[in-house]
Amino acid sequence: SEVAVSWRPSAEFAGNLYKGEGILPASPQNVWECIKPVAGGLRTKWDQNVKDFEVIEAVSDTVSICRTTTPSACMRIISPREFVDVVVMKQYEDGTMLSAATNVEHPLCPPQPNFVRGFNYPCGCFCIPVPGEPDRTELLTFFQTDLGGYLPQTVVDSFFPSSISGFYSNLTKAVKALKA
């Protein structure tokens, strides 16, 4: 599957807002099964940028406070990170499924040793049905992440576009495996 990655300066922080767009060869339900932000979900199995995902507090059946940890990246130039976010999930009448998140502080999740605390600014994934093609899904992703620490912006700028392309590639493999 082809993925287009674009970006512009973020209105939220001193980094960029990244947008990924692609069509995946799977139903919206299967794509959602692979990306939905739930404890024990599939994301930690296929997403190379998600080492662990835990729900700190379930506020409701659609809103939760979550902690995500990431492994080191870029030949260990980027050390492991942790992110604490409020996450909302929603399904629309047209079948579109949405996961949106932004950073939050939570008393049950203080910064952990061996991790740099990063911050997700408003971000999300939209699984959009392709009309007349039940086994294809348009996936729109938005990332605006402050990785924290003392990384040069050039490292961050070179990491994100390839990371987003890898996200789509690995997700495509995951949904194909789910169908098999």
C-alpha atoms as a PDB file:
ATOM      1  CA  SER A   1       0.000   0.000   0.000  1.00  0.00           C
ATOM      2  CA  GLU A   2       1.153   3.523  -0.745  1.00  0.00           C
ATOM      3  CA  VAL A   3       1.378   6.071   2.026  1.00  0.00           C
ATOM      4  CA  ALA A   4       1.689   9.826   1.689  1.00  0.00           C
ATOM      5  CA  VAL A   5       3.345  11.666   4.561  1.00  0.00           C
ATOM      6  CA  SER A   6       3.148  15.432   4.863  1.00  0.00           C
ATOM      7  CA  TRP A   7       3.862  17.912   7.631  1.00  0.00           C
ATOM      8  CA  ARG A   8       3.695  21.507   8.672  1.00  0.00           C
ATOM      9  CA  PRO A   9       4.721  23.430  11.786  1.00  0.00           C
ATOM     10  CA  SER A  10       2.501  22.581  14.752  1.00  0.00           C
ATOM     11  CA  ALA A  11       0.316  25.251  16.312  1.00  0.00           C
ATOM     12  CA  GLU A  12       0.665  23.369  19.633  1.00  0.00           C
ATOM     13  CA  PHE A  13       4.433  23.159  20.201  1.00  0.00           C
ATOM     14  CA  ALA A  14       7.816  23.872  18.569  1.00  0.00           C
ATOM     15  CA  GLY A  15       7.739  20.751  16.364  1.00  0.00           C
ATOM     16  CA  ASN A  16       5.694  19.525  13.411  1.00  0.00           C
ATOM     17  CA  LEU A  17       2.222  18.111  12.825  1.00  0.00           C
ATOM     18  CA  TYR A  18       2.622  14.989  10.649  1.00  0.00           C
ATOM     19  CA  LYS A  19      -0.171  13.565   8.520  1.00  0.00           C
ATOM     20  CA  GLY A  20      -0.149  10.074   7.043  1.00  0.00           C
ATOM     21  CA  GLU A  21      -2.659   8.970   4.403  1.00  0.00           C
ATOM     22  CA  GLY A  22      -3.010   5.547   2.858  1.00  0.00           C
ATOM     23  CA  ILE A  23      -5.416   2.849   1.713  1.00  0.00           C
ATOM     24  CA  LEU A  24      -5.079  -0.489   3.493  1.00  0.00           C
ATOM     25  CA  PRO A  25      -6.176  -3.818   1.946  1.00  0.00           C
ATOM     26  CA  ALA A  26      -8.535  -4.751   4.801  1.00  0.00           C
ATOM     27  CA  SER A  27     -11.931  -3.934   6.260  1.00  0.00           C
ATOM     28  CA  PRO A  28     -12.186  -0.991   8.676  1.00  0.00           C
ATOM     29  CA  GLN A  29     -13.002  -3.516  11.438  1.00  0.00           C
ATOM     30  CA  ASN A  30      -9.750  -5.426  10.839  1.00  0.00           C
ATOM     31  CA  VAL A  31      -7.682  -2.237  10.657  1.00  0.00           C
ATOM     32  CA  TRP A  32      -9.337  -1.024  13.875  1.00  0.00           C
ATOM     33  CA  GLU A  33      -8.651  -4.374  15.548  1.00  0.00           C
ATOM     34  CA  CYS A  34      -4.935  -3.805  14.897  1.00  0.00           C
ATOM     35  CA  ILE A  35      -4.726  -0.162  16.023  1.00  0.00           C
ATOM     36  CA  LYS A  36      -7.340   0.315  18.743  1.00  0.00           C
ATOM     37  CA  PRO A  37      -5.781   1.620  21.958  1.00  0.00           C
ATOM     38  CA  VAL A  38      -6.709  -1.118  24.434  1.00  0.00           C
ATOM     39  CA  ALA A  39      -4.739  -3.124  26.988  1.00  0.00           C
ATOM     40  CA  GLY A  40      -3.699  -6.459  25.503  1.00  0.00           C
ATOM     41  CA  GLY A  41      -4.402  -5.167  21.985  1.00  0.00           C
ATOM     42  CA  LEU A  42      -2.475  -6.076  18.846  1.00  0.00           C
ATOM     43  CA  ARG A  43      -0.546  -2.807  18.539  1.00  0.00           C
ATOM     44  CA  THR A  44       2.398  -3.942  20.677  1.00  0.00           C
ATOM     45  CA  LYS A  45       2.803  -6.999  18.438  1.00  0.00           C
ATOM     46  CA  TRP A  46       3.235  -5.192  15.088  1.00  0.00           C
ATOM     47  CA  ASP A  47       4.070  -1.523  15.784  1.00  0.00           C
ATOM     48  CA  GLN A  48       7.845  -1.260  16.177  1.00  0.00           C
ATOM     49  CA  ASN A  49       7.388   2.075  17.985  1.00  0.00           C
ATOM     50  CA  VAL A  50       5.130   0.673  20.714  1.00  0.00           C
ATOM     51  CA  LYS A  51       6.853  -1.501  23.293  1.00  0.00           C
ATOM     52  CA  ASP A  52       4.064  -1.539  25.873  1.00  0.00           C
ATOM     53  CA  PHE A  53       0.595  -0.075  26.265  1.00  0.00           C
ATOM     54  CA  GLU A  54      -1.378   0.038  29.491  1.00  0.00           C
ATOM     55  CA  VAL A  55      -4.623   1.570  30.643  1.00  0.00           C
ATOM     56  CA  ILE A  56      -3.972   3.575  33.831  1.00  0.00           C
ATOM     57  CA  GLU A  57      -7.634   4.495  34.329  1.00  0.00           C
ATOM     58  CA  ALA A  58     -10.775   3.669  32.363  1.00  0.00           C
ATOM     59  CA  VAL A  59     -12.812   6.868  32.660  1.00  0.00           C
ATOM     60  CA  SER A  60     -15.676   5.408  30.576  1.00  0.00           C
ATOM     61  CA  ASP A  61     -16.053   2.763  27.877  1.00  0.00           C
ATOM     62  CA  THR A  62     -14.717   5.265  25.308  1.00  0.00           C
ATOM     63  CA  VAL A  63     -12.301   7.415  27.354  1.00  0.00           C
ATOM     64  CA  SER A  64      -9.184   6.209  29.152  1.00  0.00           C
ATOM     65  CA  ILE A  65      -5.879   7.392  30.533  1.00  0.00           C
ATOM     66  CA  CYS A  66      -3.102   5.329  28.939  1.00  0.00           C
ATOM     67  CA  ARG A  67       0.660   4.940  29.213  1.00  0.00           C
ATOM     68  CA  THR A  68       2.619   3.980  26.116  1.00  0.00           C
ATOM     69  CA  THR A  69       6.301   3.114  26.146  1.00  0.00           C
ATOM     70  CA  THR A  70       8.560   3.062  23.111  1.00  0.00           C
ATOM     71  CA  PRO A  71      11.854   1.282  22.520  1.00  0.00           C
ATOM     72  CA  SER A  72      15.024   3.144  21.610  1.00  0.00           C
ATOM     73  CA  ALA A  73      15.154   4.213  17.968  1.00  0.00           C
ATOM     74  CA  CYS A  74      17.515   5.621  15.319  1.00  0.00           C
ATOM     75  CA  MET A  75      20.380   3.312  16.301  1.00  0.00           C
ATOM     76  CA  ARG A  76      19.717   4.236  19.953  1.00  0.00           C
ATOM     77  CA  ILE A  77      20.136   7.962  19.340  1.00  0.00           C
ATOM     78  CA  ILE A  78      16.547   8.211  20.631  1.00  0.00           C
ATOM     79  CA  SER A  79      16.318   6.501  24.024  1.00  0.00           C
ATOM     80  CA  PRO A  80      13.129   4.774  25.299  1.00  0.00           C
ATOM     81  CA  ARG A  81      10.189   7.126  25.816  1.00  0.00           C
ATOM     82  CA  GLU A  82       6.957   7.049  27.769  1.00  0.00           C
ATOM     83  CA  PHE A  83       3.772   8.945  27.005  1.00  0.00           C
ATOM     84  CA  VAL A  84       0.705   9.428  29.207  1.00  0.00           C
ATOM     85  CA  ASP A  85      -2.409  10.412  27.276  1.00  0.00           C
ATOM     86  CA  VAL A  86      -6.127  10.783  27.587  1.00  0.00           C
ATOM     87  CA  VAL A  87      -7.521   8.685  24.737  1.00  0.00           C
ATOM     88  CA  VAL A  88     -11.015   8.804  23.253  1.00  0.00           C
ATOM     89  CA  MET A  89     -12.488   6.250  20.847  1.00  0.00           C
ATOM     90  CA  LYS A  90     -15.552   6.893  18.713  1.00  0.00           C
ATOM     91  CA  GLN A  91     -17.451   5.177  15.936  1.00  0.00           C
ATOM     92  CA  TYR A  92     -19.492   7.239  13.492  1.00  0.00           C
ATOM     93  CA  GLU A  93     -22.662   6.254  11.627  1.00  0.00           C
ATOM     94  CA  ASP A  94     -20.755   5.909   8.324  1.00  0.00           C
ATOM     95  CA  GLY A  95     -18.522   3.244   9.915  1.00  0.00           C
ATOM     96  CA  THR A  96     -15.529   5.520  10.499  1.00  0.00           C
ATOM     97  CA  MET A  97     -13.650   4.646  13.679  1.00  0.00           C
ATOM     98  CA  LEU A  98     -11.528   7.223  15.487  1.00  0.00           C
ATOM     99  CA  SER A  99      -8.922   7.136  18.197  1.00  0.00           C
ATOM    100  CA  ALA A 100      -7.724  10.557  19.384  1.00  0.00           C
ATOM    101  CA  ALA A 101      -5.328  11.433  22.178  1.00  0.00           C
ATOM    102  CA  THR A 102      -3.423  14.219  23.891  1.00  0.00           C
ATOM    103  CA  ASN A 103      -0.983  14.313  26.790  1.00  0.00           C
ATOM    104  CA  VAL A 104      -2.172  14.471  30.367  1.00  0.00           C
ATOM    105  CA  GLU A 105      -0.641  14.156  33.816  1.00  0.00           C
ATOM    106  CA  HIS A 106      -2.009  11.461  36.114  1.00  0.00           C
ATOM    107  CA  PRO A 107      -1.165  10.803  39.777  1.00  0.00           C
ATOM    108  CA  LEU A 108      -0.969   7.037  39.168  1.00  0.00           C
ATOM    109  CA  CYS A 109       1.661   7.534  36.458  1.00  0.00           C
ATOM    110  CA  PRO A 110       4.606   9.678  37.546  1.00  0.00           C
ATOM    111  CA  PRO A 111       7.669   9.749  35.266  1.00  0.00           C
ATOM    112  CA  GLN A 112       9.461   6.396  35.358  1.00  0.00           C
ATOM    113  CA  PRO A 113      13.217   5.871  35.583  1.00  0.00           C
ATOM    114  CA  ASN A 114      14.921   4.693  32.366  1.00  0.00           C
ATOM    115  CA  PHE A 115      12.354   6.558  30.208  1.00  0.00           C
ATOM    116  CA  VAL A 116      12.271  10.093  28.865  1.00  0.00           C
ATOM    117  CA  ARG A 117       8.770  11.569  29.240  1.00  0.00           C
ATOM    118  CA  GLY A 118       7.461  12.628  25.850  1.00  0.00           C
ATOM    119  CA  PHE A 119       4.267  14.513  25.064  1.00  0.00           C
ATOM    120  CA  ASN A 120       1.661  13.809  22.419  1.00  0.00           C
ATOM    121  CA  TYR A 121      -0.224  16.906  21.377  1.00  0.00           C
ATOM    122  CA  PRO A 122      -3.675  16.369  19.795  1.00  0.00           C
ATOM    123  CA  CYS A 123      -3.244  13.383  17.494  1.00  0.00           C
ATOM    124  CA  GLY A 124      -5.268  10.483  16.182  1.00  0.00           C
ATOM    125  CA  CYS A 125      -6.124   7.769  13.694  1.00  0.00           C
ATOM    126  CA  PHE A 126      -9.211   7.645  11.480  1.00  0.00           C
ATOM    127  CA  CYS A 127     -10.253   4.308   9.906  1.00  0.00           C
ATOM    128  CA  ILE A 128     -12.551   5.382   7.073  1.00  0.00           C
ATOM    129  CA  PRO A 129     -14.576   2.894   4.988  1.00  0.00           C
ATOM    130  CA  VAL A 130     -13.960   3.108   1.231  1.00  0.00           C
ATOM    131  CA  PRO A 131     -17.436   3.292  -0.385  1.00  0.00           C
ATOM    132  CA  GLY A 132     -18.268   0.128  -2.334  1.00  0.00           C
ATOM    133  CA  GLU A 133     -15.019  -1.594  -1.267  1.00  0.00           C
ATOM    134  CA  PRO A 134     -15.607  -3.414   2.044  1.00  0.00           C
ATOM    135  CA  ASP A 135     -12.066  -4.849   2.094  1.00  0.00           C
ATOM    136  CA  ARG A 136     -10.321  -1.492   1.803  1.00  0.00           C
ATOM    137  CA  THR A 137      -9.862   1.183   4.438  1.00  0.00           C
ATOM    138  CA  GLU A 138      -8.580   4.720   4.174  1.00  0.00           C
ATOM    139  CA  LEU A 139      -6.362   5.378   7.176  1.00  0.00           C
ATOM    140  CA  LEU A 140      -5.631   8.973   8.134  1.00  0.00           C
ATOM    141  CA  THR A 141      -3.121   9.486  10.934  1.00  0.00           C
ATOM    142  CA  PHE A 142      -2.044  12.659  12.675  1.00  0.00           C
ATOM    143  CA  PHE A 143       0.988  12.822  14.955  1.00  0.00           C
ATOM    144  CA  GLN A 144       2.402  15.825  16.837  1.00  0.00           C
ATOM    145  CA  THR A 145       4.815  14.423  19.316  1.00  0.00           C
ATOM    146  CA  ASP A 146       7.368  16.190  21.459  1.00  0.00           C
ATOM    147  CA  LEU A 147       9.854  13.382  22.118  1.00  0.00           C
ATOM    148  CA  GLY A 148      11.251  15.280  25.117  1.00  0.00           C
ATOM    149  CA  GLY A 149      14.858  15.138  26.210  1.00  0.00           C
ATOM    150  CA  TYR A 150      17.629  16.914  24.339  1.00  0.00           C
ATOM    151  CA  LEU A 151      17.249  15.660  20.791  1.00  0.00           C
ATOM    152  CA  PRO A 152      18.306  17.932  17.945  1.00  0.00           C
ATOM    153  CA  GLN A 153      15.260  18.855  15.835  1.00  0.00           C
ATOM    154  CA  THR A 154      17.058  17.440  12.773  1.00  0.00           C
ATOM    155  CA  VAL A 155      17.016  13.955  14.386  1.00  0.00           C
ATOM    156  CA  VAL A 156      13.293  14.264  15.136  1.00  0.00           C
ATOM    157  CA  ASP A 157      12.561  15.591  11.620  1.00  0.00           C
ATOM    158  CA  SER A 158      14.374  12.680   9.993  1.00  0.00           C
ATOM    159  CA  PHE A 159      12.771  10.075  12.298  1.00  0.00           C
ATOM    160  CA  PHE A 160       9.064  10.840  11.878  1.00  0.00           C
ATOM    161  CA  PRO A 161       8.435  10.523   8.108  1.00  0.00           C
ATOM    162  CA  SER A 162      10.206   7.134   7.896  1.00  0.00           C
ATOM    163  CA  SER A 163       8.567   6.034  11.150  1.00  0.00           C
ATOM    164  CA  ILE A 164       5.094   6.839   9.748  1.00  0.00           C
ATOM    165  CA  SER A 165       5.862   4.960   6.510  1.00  0.00           C
ATOM    166  CA  GLY A 166       6.969   1.993   8.621  1.00  0.00           C
ATOM    167  CA  PHE A 167       3.758   2.238  10.651  1.00  0.00           C
ATOM    168  CA  TYR A 168       1.650   1.834   7.479  1.00  0.00           C
ATOM    169  CA  SER A 169       3.861  -0.956   6.128  1.00  0.00           C
ATOM    170  CA  ASN A 170       3.805  -2.946   9.373  1.00  0.00           C
ATOM    171  CA  LEU A 171       0.065  -2.338   9.820  1.00  0.00           C
ATOM    172  CA  THR A 172      -0.559  -3.657   6.295  1.00  0.00           C
ATOM    173  CA  LYS A 173       1.335  -6.865   7.203  1.00  0.00           C
ATOM    174  CA  ALA A 174      -0.618  -7.130  10.490  1.00  0.00           C
ATOM    175  CA  VAL A 175      -4.056  -6.837   8.819  1.00  0.00           C
ATOM    176  CA  LYS A 176      -3.052  -9.390   6.168  1.00  0.00           C
ATOM    177  CA  ALA A 177      -1.988 -11.790   8.947  1.00  0.00           C
ATOM    178  CA  LEU A 178      -5.279 -11.132  10.764  1.00  0.00           C
ATOM    179  CA  LYS A 179      -7.249 -12.120   7.620  1.00  0.00           C
ATOM    180  CA  ALA A 180      -5.152 -15.270   7.020  1.00  0.00           C
END
